[in-house]
Amino acid sequence: MCRFCICCKTCCSNRYYFPPFEFKDPASGKHVGFDVELWAAIAREAGLDYELQPMAFKGIVPGLQSAQIDAGIAGMSITDKRKKVIDFSDGYYDSGLLLLVPKGSSIKGLADLVDKKVATKTGTTSVDFLKKHSAKTKLVLFPNDNAMFMELMTGGVDAVMFDRPVIESFASKRGQGQVTIVDTLYAGQPYGIGFPKGSQLVEKVNIALRTLKDSGEYTKIYQKWFGVAPR
């Protein structure tokens, strides 16, 4: 069996939580989600055996660099910085960053973040984006989604910036009626599957991914987890 691992985005009290991409189903105790199901379909199409290995997001790139893992799928944005040290598959999901504020907030965009406390997650593209485009923002970093959203809801920070699907999920569920999304998508970037530099698996995975898209299987998986068809 090929030593093939899959990584989850966040770690919180030993639970891996980045819905709808990957999370632990409390009923079955199994890891489920869009990333998990898409990878299973890719592996079947490419004829790959693999071992599922949940991992904190910040450990994925180092794990790939050291070849301790063979692949990482975790809602990971394809960036020039990451491409210097790891290889990526073709993009499999178009994402970007959204700004979330309490309902009634005066914050309407980046220009309003001067001297404001903005929460985001350690080791993510949100951190780099805010440092580059909103240097006077007071960054407050958290290891997981729940902590940064709780801080927003309790008034500890003025805003949260993070990946589109996570922000939209929170705003439509737990934060419904209490928070507002600033209506601009920042730093639109595709998510890709990461590999060690020079991995021969990249081509196999790309072929399998294209096949799944052409056959309609990708669309079925996408609709199952997002409720809409891919654009």
C-alpha atoms as a PDB file:
ATOM      1  CA  MET A   1       0.000   0.000   0.000  1.00  0.00           C
ATOM      2  CA  CYS A   2       1.236   3.426  -0.936  1.00  0.00           C
ATOM      3  CA  ARG A   3       1.933   5.558   2.157  1.00  0.00           C
ATOM      4  CA  PHE A   4      -0.656   8.190   1.365  1.00  0.00           C
ATOM      5  CA  CYS A   5      -2.000  10.541   3.973  1.00  0.00           C
ATOM      6  CA  ILE A   6      -4.702  13.163   4.094  1.00  0.00           C
ATOM      7  CA  CYS A   7      -4.583  16.148   6.398  1.00  0.00           C
ATOM      8  CA  CYS A   8      -7.290  18.116   8.155  1.00  0.00           C
ATOM      9  CA  LYS A   9      -7.296  21.862   8.473  1.00  0.00           C
ATOM     10  CA  THR A  10      -7.519  22.501  12.188  1.00  0.00           C
ATOM     11  CA  CYS A  11      -7.019  20.811  15.493  1.00  0.00           C
ATOM     12  CA  CYS A  12      -9.124  21.679  18.526  1.00  0.00           C
ATOM     13  CA  SER A  13      -9.225  19.435  21.587  1.00  0.00           C
ATOM     14  CA  ASN A  14      -8.183  16.515  19.374  1.00  0.00           C
ATOM     15  CA  ARG A  15     -11.045  17.222  16.960  1.00  0.00           C
ATOM     16  CA  TYR A  16     -10.401  18.169  13.353  1.00  0.00           C
ATOM     17  CA  TYR A  17     -12.879  20.785  12.251  1.00  0.00           C
ATOM     18  CA  PHE A  18     -13.147  22.670   8.968  1.00  0.00           C
ATOM     19  CA  PRO A  19     -16.694  22.064   7.752  1.00  0.00           C
ATOM     20  CA  PRO A  20     -17.812  21.316   5.151  1.00  0.00           C
ATOM     21  CA  PHE A  21     -14.318  20.346   3.971  1.00  0.00           C
ATOM     22  CA  GLU A  22     -13.337  18.044   6.804  1.00  0.00           C
ATOM     23  CA  PHE A  23     -14.643  17.351  10.280  1.00  0.00           C
ATOM     24  CA  LYS A  24     -15.265  14.467  12.642  1.00  0.00           C
ATOM     25  CA  ASP A  25     -18.830  13.170  12.538  1.00  0.00           C
ATOM     26  CA  PRO A  26     -19.940  12.987  16.198  1.00  0.00           C
ATOM     27  CA  ALA A  27     -22.349  10.151  15.412  1.00  0.00           C
ATOM     28  CA  SER A  28     -19.936   7.803  13.638  1.00  0.00           C
ATOM     29  CA  GLY A  29     -16.599   9.137  14.906  1.00  0.00           C
ATOM     30  CA  LYS A  30     -15.340   9.119  11.310  1.00  0.00           C
ATOM     31  CA  HIS A  31     -13.742  11.965   9.407  1.00  0.00           C
ATOM     32  CA  VAL A  32     -16.092  13.223   6.718  1.00  0.00           C
ATOM     33  CA  GLY A  33     -16.490  16.224   4.417  1.00  0.00           C
ATOM     34  CA  PHE A  34     -15.899  17.481   0.905  1.00  0.00           C
ATOM     35  CA  ASP A  35     -12.116  17.035   1.010  1.00  0.00           C
ATOM     36  CA  VAL A  36     -12.385  13.556   2.501  1.00  0.00           C
ATOM     37  CA  GLU A  37     -14.939  12.348  -0.044  1.00  0.00           C
ATOM     38  CA  LEU A  38     -13.230  14.028  -2.996  1.00  0.00           C
ATOM     39  CA  TRP A  39      -9.896  12.461  -2.099  1.00  0.00           C
ATOM     40  CA  ALA A  40     -11.523   9.027  -1.784  1.00  0.00           C
ATOM     41  CA  ALA A  41     -12.940   9.453  -5.298  1.00  0.00           C
ATOM     42  CA  ILE A  42      -9.577  10.629  -6.668  1.00  0.00           C
ATOM     43  CA  ALA A  43      -7.806   7.686  -5.056  1.00  0.00           C
ATOM     44  CA  ARG A  44     -10.270   5.213  -6.539  1.00  0.00           C
ATOM     45  CA  GLU A  45      -9.924   6.761  -9.985  1.00  0.00           C
ATOM     46  CA  ALA A  46      -6.121   6.798  -9.802  1.00  0.00           C
ATOM     47  CA  GLY A  47      -5.839   3.341  -8.223  1.00  0.00           C
ATOM     48  CA  LEU A  48      -4.182   4.622  -5.045  1.00  0.00           C
ATOM     49  CA  ASP A  49      -4.314   3.045  -1.606  1.00  0.00           C
ATOM     50  CA  TYR A  50      -3.916   5.513   1.237  1.00  0.00           C
ATOM     51  CA  GLU A  51      -3.911   5.970   4.975  1.00  0.00           C
ATOM     52  CA  LEU A  52      -6.017   8.752   6.477  1.00  0.00           C
ATOM     53  CA  GLN A  53      -3.891  10.808   8.858  1.00  0.00           C
ATOM     54  CA  PRO A  54      -5.567  13.810  10.503  1.00  0.00           C
ATOM     55  CA  MET A  55      -3.079  16.603  11.152  1.00  0.00           C
ATOM     56  CA  ALA A  56      -3.123  20.200  12.369  1.00  0.00           C
ATOM     57  CA  PHE A  57      -3.006  22.616   9.443  1.00  0.00           C
ATOM     58  CA  LYS A  58       0.300  24.211  10.431  1.00  0.00           C
ATOM     59  CA  GLY A  59       2.029  20.828  10.195  1.00  0.00           C
ATOM     60  CA  ILE A  60       1.037  20.051   6.609  1.00  0.00           C
ATOM     61  CA  VAL A  61       3.661  21.990   4.656  1.00  0.00           C
ATOM     62  CA  PRO A  62       6.544  20.898   6.953  1.00  0.00           C
ATOM     63  CA  GLY A  63       5.255  17.324   6.720  1.00  0.00           C
ATOM     64  CA  LEU A  64       5.287  17.477   2.929  1.00  0.00           C
ATOM     65  CA  GLN A  65       8.721  19.113   2.852  1.00  0.00           C
ATOM     66  CA  SER A  66      10.181  16.333   4.968  1.00  0.00           C
ATOM     67  CA  ALA A  67       8.253  13.645   3.021  1.00  0.00           C
ATOM     68  CA  GLN A  68       6.638  12.412   6.241  1.00  0.00           C
ATOM     69  CA  ILE A  69       3.352  12.576   4.375  1.00  0.00           C
ATOM     70  CA  ASP A  70       2.720  12.026   0.680  1.00  0.00           C
ATOM     71  CA  ALA A  71      -0.177  14.426   0.154  1.00  0.00           C
ATOM     72  CA  GLY A  72      -2.198  17.008   2.024  1.00  0.00           C
ATOM     73  CA  ILE A  73      -5.760  18.026   1.255  1.00  0.00           C
ATOM     74  CA  ALA A  74      -7.030  20.573   3.729  1.00  0.00           C
ATOM     75  CA  GLY A  75      -8.631  23.564   2.062  1.00  0.00           C
ATOM     76  CA  MET A  76      -5.089  24.785   1.358  1.00  0.00           C
ATOM     77  CA  SER A  77      -4.727  27.821  -0.908  1.00  0.00           C
ATOM     78  CA  ILE A  78      -2.255  27.589  -3.780  1.00  0.00           C
ATOM     79  CA  THR A  79       0.167  30.464  -3.152  1.00  0.00           C
ATOM     80  CA  ASP A  80       3.517  31.451  -4.644  1.00  0.00           C
ATOM     81  CA  LYS A  81       5.086  31.183  -1.201  1.00  0.00           C
ATOM     82  CA  ARG A  82       3.941  27.596  -0.712  1.00  0.00           C
ATOM     83  CA  LYS A  83       4.813  26.641  -4.305  1.00  0.00           C
ATOM     84  CA  LYS A  84       8.450  27.384  -3.512  1.00  0.00           C
ATOM     85  CA  VAL A  85       8.595  24.453  -1.102  1.00  0.00           C
ATOM     86  CA  ILE A  86       5.847  22.017  -2.188  1.00  0.00           C
ATOM     87  CA  ASP A  87       4.022  21.026  -5.377  1.00  0.00           C
ATOM     88  CA  PHE A  88       0.286  21.382  -5.933  1.00  0.00           C
ATOM     89  CA  SER A  89      -2.393  19.645  -7.931  1.00  0.00           C
ATOM     90  CA  ASP A  90      -4.680  21.655 -10.163  1.00  0.00           C
ATOM     91  CA  GLY A  91      -7.150  23.716  -8.173  1.00  0.00           C
ATOM     92  CA  TYR A  92     -10.225  21.846  -6.956  1.00  0.00           C
ATOM     93  CA  TYR A  93     -12.152  24.672  -5.207  1.00  0.00           C
ATOM     94  CA  ASP A  94     -12.210  28.436  -5.754  1.00  0.00           C
ATOM     95  CA  SER A  95     -11.995  30.285  -2.480  1.00  0.00           C
ATOM     96  CA  GLY A  96     -10.968  33.647  -1.095  1.00  0.00           C
ATOM     97  CA  LEU A  97     -11.088  35.623   2.145  1.00  0.00           C
ATOM     98  CA  LEU A  98     -14.107  37.284   3.719  1.00  0.00           C
ATOM     99  CA  LEU A  99     -14.390  39.806   6.521  1.00  0.00           C
ATOM    100  CA  LEU A 100     -16.978  39.096   9.224  1.00  0.00           C
ATOM    101  CA  VAL A 101     -18.186  41.759  11.654  1.00  0.00           C
ATOM    102  CA  PRO A 102     -20.899  42.060  14.329  1.00  0.00           C
ATOM    103  CA  LYS A 103     -24.269  43.192  13.049  1.00  0.00           C
ATOM    104  CA  GLY A 104     -24.398  46.993  13.004  1.00  0.00           C
ATOM    105  CA  SER A 105     -20.623  47.388  12.854  1.00  0.00           C
ATOM    106  CA  SER A 106     -19.236  50.480  11.122  1.00  0.00           C
ATOM    107  CA  ILE A 107     -16.561  48.351   9.434  1.00  0.00           C
ATOM    108  CA  LYS A 108     -17.256  48.158   5.695  1.00  0.00           C
ATOM    109  CA  GLY A 109     -13.840  47.159   4.341  1.00  0.00           C
ATOM    110  CA  LEU A 110     -10.075  47.123   4.848  1.00  0.00           C
ATOM    111  CA  ALA A 111      -9.878  50.901   5.178  1.00  0.00           C
ATOM    112  CA  ASP A 112     -11.931  50.682   8.369  1.00  0.00           C
ATOM    113  CA  LEU A 113      -9.573  48.236  10.094  1.00  0.00           C
ATOM    114  CA  VAL A 114      -7.025  50.807  11.262  1.00  0.00           C
ATOM    115  CA  ASP A 115      -6.314  50.129  14.962  1.00  0.00           C
ATOM    116  CA  LYS A 116      -9.102  47.506  15.020  1.00  0.00           C
ATOM    117  CA  LYS A 117      -8.615  44.034  16.475  1.00  0.00           C
ATOM    118  CA  VAL A 118      -9.046  41.404  13.762  1.00  0.00           C
ATOM    119  CA  ALA A 119      -9.010  37.684  14.536  1.00  0.00           C
ATOM    120  CA  THR A 120      -7.782  35.015  12.174  1.00  0.00           C
ATOM    121  CA  LYS A 121      -6.070  31.639  12.268  1.00  0.00           C
ATOM    122  CA  THR A 122      -2.367  31.068  12.792  1.00  0.00           C
ATOM    123  CA  GLY A 123      -0.408  29.940   9.724  1.00  0.00           C
ATOM    124  CA  THR A 124      -3.068  30.784   7.127  1.00  0.00           C
ATOM    125  CA  THR A 125      -3.165  33.096   4.105  1.00  0.00           C
ATOM    126  CA  SER A 126      -5.378  35.489   6.080  1.00  0.00           C
ATOM    127  CA  VAL A 127      -2.387  36.415   8.209  1.00  0.00           C
ATOM    128  CA  ASP A 128      -0.189  37.234   5.214  1.00  0.00           C
ATOM    129  CA  PHE A 129      -2.989  39.168   3.514  1.00  0.00           C
ATOM    130  CA  LEU A 130      -3.719  41.359   6.525  1.00  0.00           C
ATOM    131  CA  LYS A 131      -0.045  42.080   7.167  1.00  0.00           C
ATOM    132  CA  LYS A 132       0.368  43.186   3.554  1.00  0.00           C
ATOM    133  CA  HIS A 133      -2.871  45.075   2.939  1.00  0.00           C
ATOM    134  CA  SER A 134      -3.857  46.303   6.389  1.00  0.00           C
ATOM    135  CA  ALA A 135      -0.631  46.895   8.262  1.00  0.00           C
ATOM    136  CA  LYS A 136      -2.221  49.022  11.003  1.00  0.00           C
ATOM    137  CA  THR A 137      -4.650  46.269  11.967  1.00  0.00           C
ATOM    138  CA  LYS A 138      -4.114  44.649  15.358  1.00  0.00           C
ATOM    139  CA  LEU A 139      -3.918  40.945  14.538  1.00  0.00           C
ATOM    140  CA  VAL A 140      -5.194  38.464  17.101  1.00  0.00           C
ATOM    141  CA  LEU A 141      -4.234  34.898  16.157  1.00  0.00           C
ATOM    142  CA  PHE A 142      -6.044  31.714  17.147  1.00  0.00           C
ATOM    143  CA  PRO A 143      -5.309  28.011  16.550  1.00  0.00           C
ATOM    144  CA  ASN A 144      -8.867  27.117  15.470  1.00  0.00           C
ATOM    145  CA  ASP A 145     -12.144  28.440  14.068  1.00  0.00           C
ATOM    146  CA  ASN A 146     -14.239  28.147  17.201  1.00  0.00           C
ATOM    147  CA  ALA A 147     -11.922  30.320  19.272  1.00  0.00           C
ATOM    148  CA  MET A 148     -11.811  33.221  16.825  1.00  0.00           C
ATOM    149  CA  PHE A 149     -15.582  33.209  16.295  1.00  0.00           C
ATOM    150  CA  MET A 150     -16.213  33.082  20.038  1.00  0.00           C
ATOM    151  CA  GLU A 151     -13.914  36.059  20.502  1.00  0.00           C
ATOM    152  CA  LEU A 152     -15.941  37.999  17.919  1.00  0.00           C
ATOM    153  CA  MET A 153     -19.257  37.083  19.522  1.00  0.00           C
ATOM    154  CA  THR A 154     -18.073  38.135  22.984  1.00  0.00           C
ATOM    155  CA  GLY A 155     -16.673  41.452  21.784  1.00  0.00           C
ATOM    156  CA  GLY A 156     -13.010  40.581  22.204  1.00  0.00           C
ATOM    157  CA  VAL A 157     -12.238  41.498  18.574  1.00  0.00           C
ATOM    158  CA  ASP A 158     -13.836  43.823  16.041  1.00  0.00           C
ATOM    159  CA  ALA A 159     -13.791  41.459  13.058  1.00  0.00           C
ATOM    160  CA  VAL A 160     -12.732  38.049  11.778  1.00  0.00           C
ATOM    161  CA  MET A 161     -11.057  37.443   8.436  1.00  0.00           C
ATOM    162  CA  PHE A 162     -10.866  33.902   7.116  1.00  0.00           C
ATOM    163  CA  ASP A 163     -11.692  31.542   4.241  1.00  0.00           C
ATOM    164  CA  ARG A 164     -14.989  32.080   2.444  1.00  0.00           C
ATOM    165  CA  PRO A 165     -16.687  28.708   3.139  1.00  0.00           C
ATOM    166  CA  VAL A 166     -15.971  28.859   6.880  1.00  0.00           C
ATOM    167  CA  ILE A 167     -17.168  32.451   7.212  1.00  0.00           C
ATOM    168  CA  GLU A 168     -20.315  31.773   5.185  1.00  0.00           C
ATOM    169  CA  SER A 169     -21.085  28.634   7.184  1.00  0.00           C
ATOM    170  CA  PHE A 170     -20.772  30.435  10.526  1.00  0.00           C
ATOM    171  CA  ALA A 171     -22.781  33.465   9.366  1.00  0.00           C
ATOM    172  CA  SER A 172     -25.651  31.280   8.133  1.00  0.00           C
ATOM    173  CA  LYS A 173     -25.767  28.990  11.166  1.00  0.00           C
ATOM    174  CA  ARG A 174     -24.356  29.776  14.607  1.00  0.00           C
ATOM    175  CA  GLY A 175     -23.927  33.477  13.917  1.00  0.00           C
ATOM    176  CA  GLN A 176     -27.162  34.007  12.026  1.00  0.00           C
ATOM    177  CA  GLY A 177     -28.699  37.391  12.806  1.00  0.00           C
ATOM    178  CA  GLN A 178     -25.725  38.432  14.910  1.00  0.00           C
ATOM    179  CA  VAL A 179     -23.000  38.962  12.325  1.00  0.00           C
ATOM    180  CA  THR A 180     -22.596  40.492   8.876  1.00  0.00           C
ATOM    181  CA  ILE A 181     -20.234  39.616   6.017  1.00  0.00           C
ATOM    182  CA  VAL A 182     -18.493  42.581   4.403  1.00  0.00           C
ATOM    183  CA  ASP A 183     -19.560  42.162   0.798  1.00  0.00           C
ATOM    184  CA  THR A 184     -16.152  41.775  -0.873  1.00  0.00           C
ATOM    185  CA  LEU A 185     -14.143  38.639  -1.639  1.00  0.00           C
ATOM    186  CA  TYR A 186     -10.468  39.297  -0.985  1.00  0.00           C
ATOM    187  CA  ALA A 187      -7.480  37.411  -2.392  1.00  0.00           C
ATOM    188  CA  GLY A 188      -9.429  34.934  -4.488  1.00  0.00           C
ATOM    189  CA  GLN A 189      -7.348  31.753  -4.658  1.00  0.00           C
ATOM    190  CA  PRO A 190      -8.004  28.117  -5.554  1.00  0.00           C
ATOM    191  CA  TYR A 191      -7.485  25.299  -3.071  1.00  0.00           C
ATOM    192  CA  GLY A 192      -5.058  22.593  -4.173  1.00  0.00           C
ATOM    193  CA  ILE A 193      -3.762  19.233  -2.948  1.00  0.00           C
ATOM    194  CA  GLY A 194      -0.174  19.524  -1.725  1.00  0.00           C
ATOM    195  CA  PHE A 195       2.691  17.119  -2.459  1.00  0.00           C
ATOM    196  CA  PRO A 196       6.421  16.918  -1.752  1.00  0.00           C
ATOM    197  CA  LYS A 197       8.512  18.612  -4.433  1.00  0.00           C
ATOM    198  CA  GLY A 198       8.923  16.377  -7.484  1.00  0.00           C
ATOM    199  CA  SER A 199       6.189  13.921  -6.491  1.00  0.00           C
ATOM    200  CA  GLN A 200       5.086  11.644  -9.320  1.00  0.00           C
ATOM    201  CA  LEU A 201       1.608  11.571  -7.811  1.00  0.00           C
ATOM    202  CA  VAL A 202       0.772  15.081  -9.016  1.00  0.00           C
ATOM    203  CA  GLU A 203       0.098  14.016 -12.595  1.00  0.00           C
ATOM    204  CA  LYS A 204      -1.934  10.961 -11.539  1.00  0.00           C
ATOM    205  CA  VAL A 205      -4.092  13.073  -9.235  1.00  0.00           C
ATOM    206  CA  ASN A 206      -4.611  15.781 -11.860  1.00  0.00           C
ATOM    207  CA  ILE A 207      -5.743  13.197 -14.429  1.00  0.00           C
ATOM    208  CA  ALA A 208      -8.131  11.653 -11.896  1.00  0.00           C
ATOM    209  CA  LEU A 209      -9.495  15.068 -10.912  1.00  0.00           C
ATOM    210  CA  ARG A 210     -10.172  16.002 -14.549  1.00  0.00           C
ATOM    211  CA  THR A 211     -11.899  12.660 -15.111  1.00  0.00           C
ATOM    212  CA  LEU A 212     -14.155  13.208 -12.095  1.00  0.00           C
ATOM    213  CA  LYS A 213     -15.101  16.656 -13.360  1.00  0.00           C
ATOM    214  CA  ASP A 214     -15.816  15.395 -16.885  1.00  0.00           C
ATOM    215  CA  SER A 215     -17.944  12.497 -15.614  1.00  0.00           C
ATOM    216  CA  GLY A 216     -20.051  14.653 -13.286  1.00  0.00           C
ATOM    217  CA  GLU A 217     -18.862  12.839 -10.145  1.00  0.00           C
ATOM    218  CA  TYR A 218     -17.102  15.978  -8.889  1.00  0.00           C
ATOM    219  CA  THR A 219     -20.338  17.967  -9.264  1.00  0.00           C
ATOM    220  CA  LYS A 220     -22.285  15.360  -7.273  1.00  0.00           C
ATOM    221  CA  ILE A 221     -19.784  15.511  -4.410  1.00  0.00           C
ATOM    222  CA  TYR A 222     -19.720  19.319  -4.535  1.00  0.00           C
ATOM    223  CA  GLN A 223     -23.514  19.611  -4.416  1.00  0.00           C
ATOM    224  CA  LYS A 224     -23.708  17.165  -1.534  1.00  0.00           C
ATOM    225  CA  TRP A 225     -21.484  19.291   0.710  1.00  0.00           C
ATOM    226  CA  PHE A 226     -22.190  22.854  -0.475  1.00  0.00           C
ATOM    227  CA  GLY A 227     -25.808  22.580  -1.570  1.00  0.00           C
ATOM    228  CA  VAL A 228     -25.130  24.277  -4.913  1.00  0.00           C
ATOM    229  CA  ALA A 229     -23.435  23.325  -8.170  1.00  0.00           C
ATOM    230  CA  PRO A 230     -19.848  24.496  -8.738  1.00  0.00           C
ATOM    231  CA  ARG A 231     -19.477  27.675 -10.783  1.00  0.00           C
END
